[in-house]
């Protein structure tokens, strides 16, 4: 999962409607971090932020598709998300994102930072009939 370039953040708000968006992310210990960055958005009142405020339960999904199906895999991290106010955690999260994505070197994310505390990992890879065991790579 750590090498995946994009993740998909799934949230559900008080309206009980699922919402999923692609996100840049990094893994810090047993947490996933993401931030609202400078890429154009249709609004600054993002549904994912509102949903997390209403219901912190989220899932982050990463996958790899290849025409050689023996290389297929997916990993899902289920957990609880929160917006970070702590300066130290925010700096660690942004640093991890900058280290992973060269696009952030000159223009690091300056929007809200989300931290997902992972409760469980689930996944699959080709040939692993029992499911993806343990913490994914």
Foldseek 3Di string as FASTA:
>chain_A
DQLFQKKKKWFAAPVRDIDIDIFGWHDDDQKIKGFDADDDDPDPPDPVQRRLVRPQWMKIKGWDDDPPQQFTKMKMFIFGKDWDPDPVVVVVGQVRSVVNDVVCVVPTGDGIMMMGRTPDMWMDGPPCVVTDDDDDD
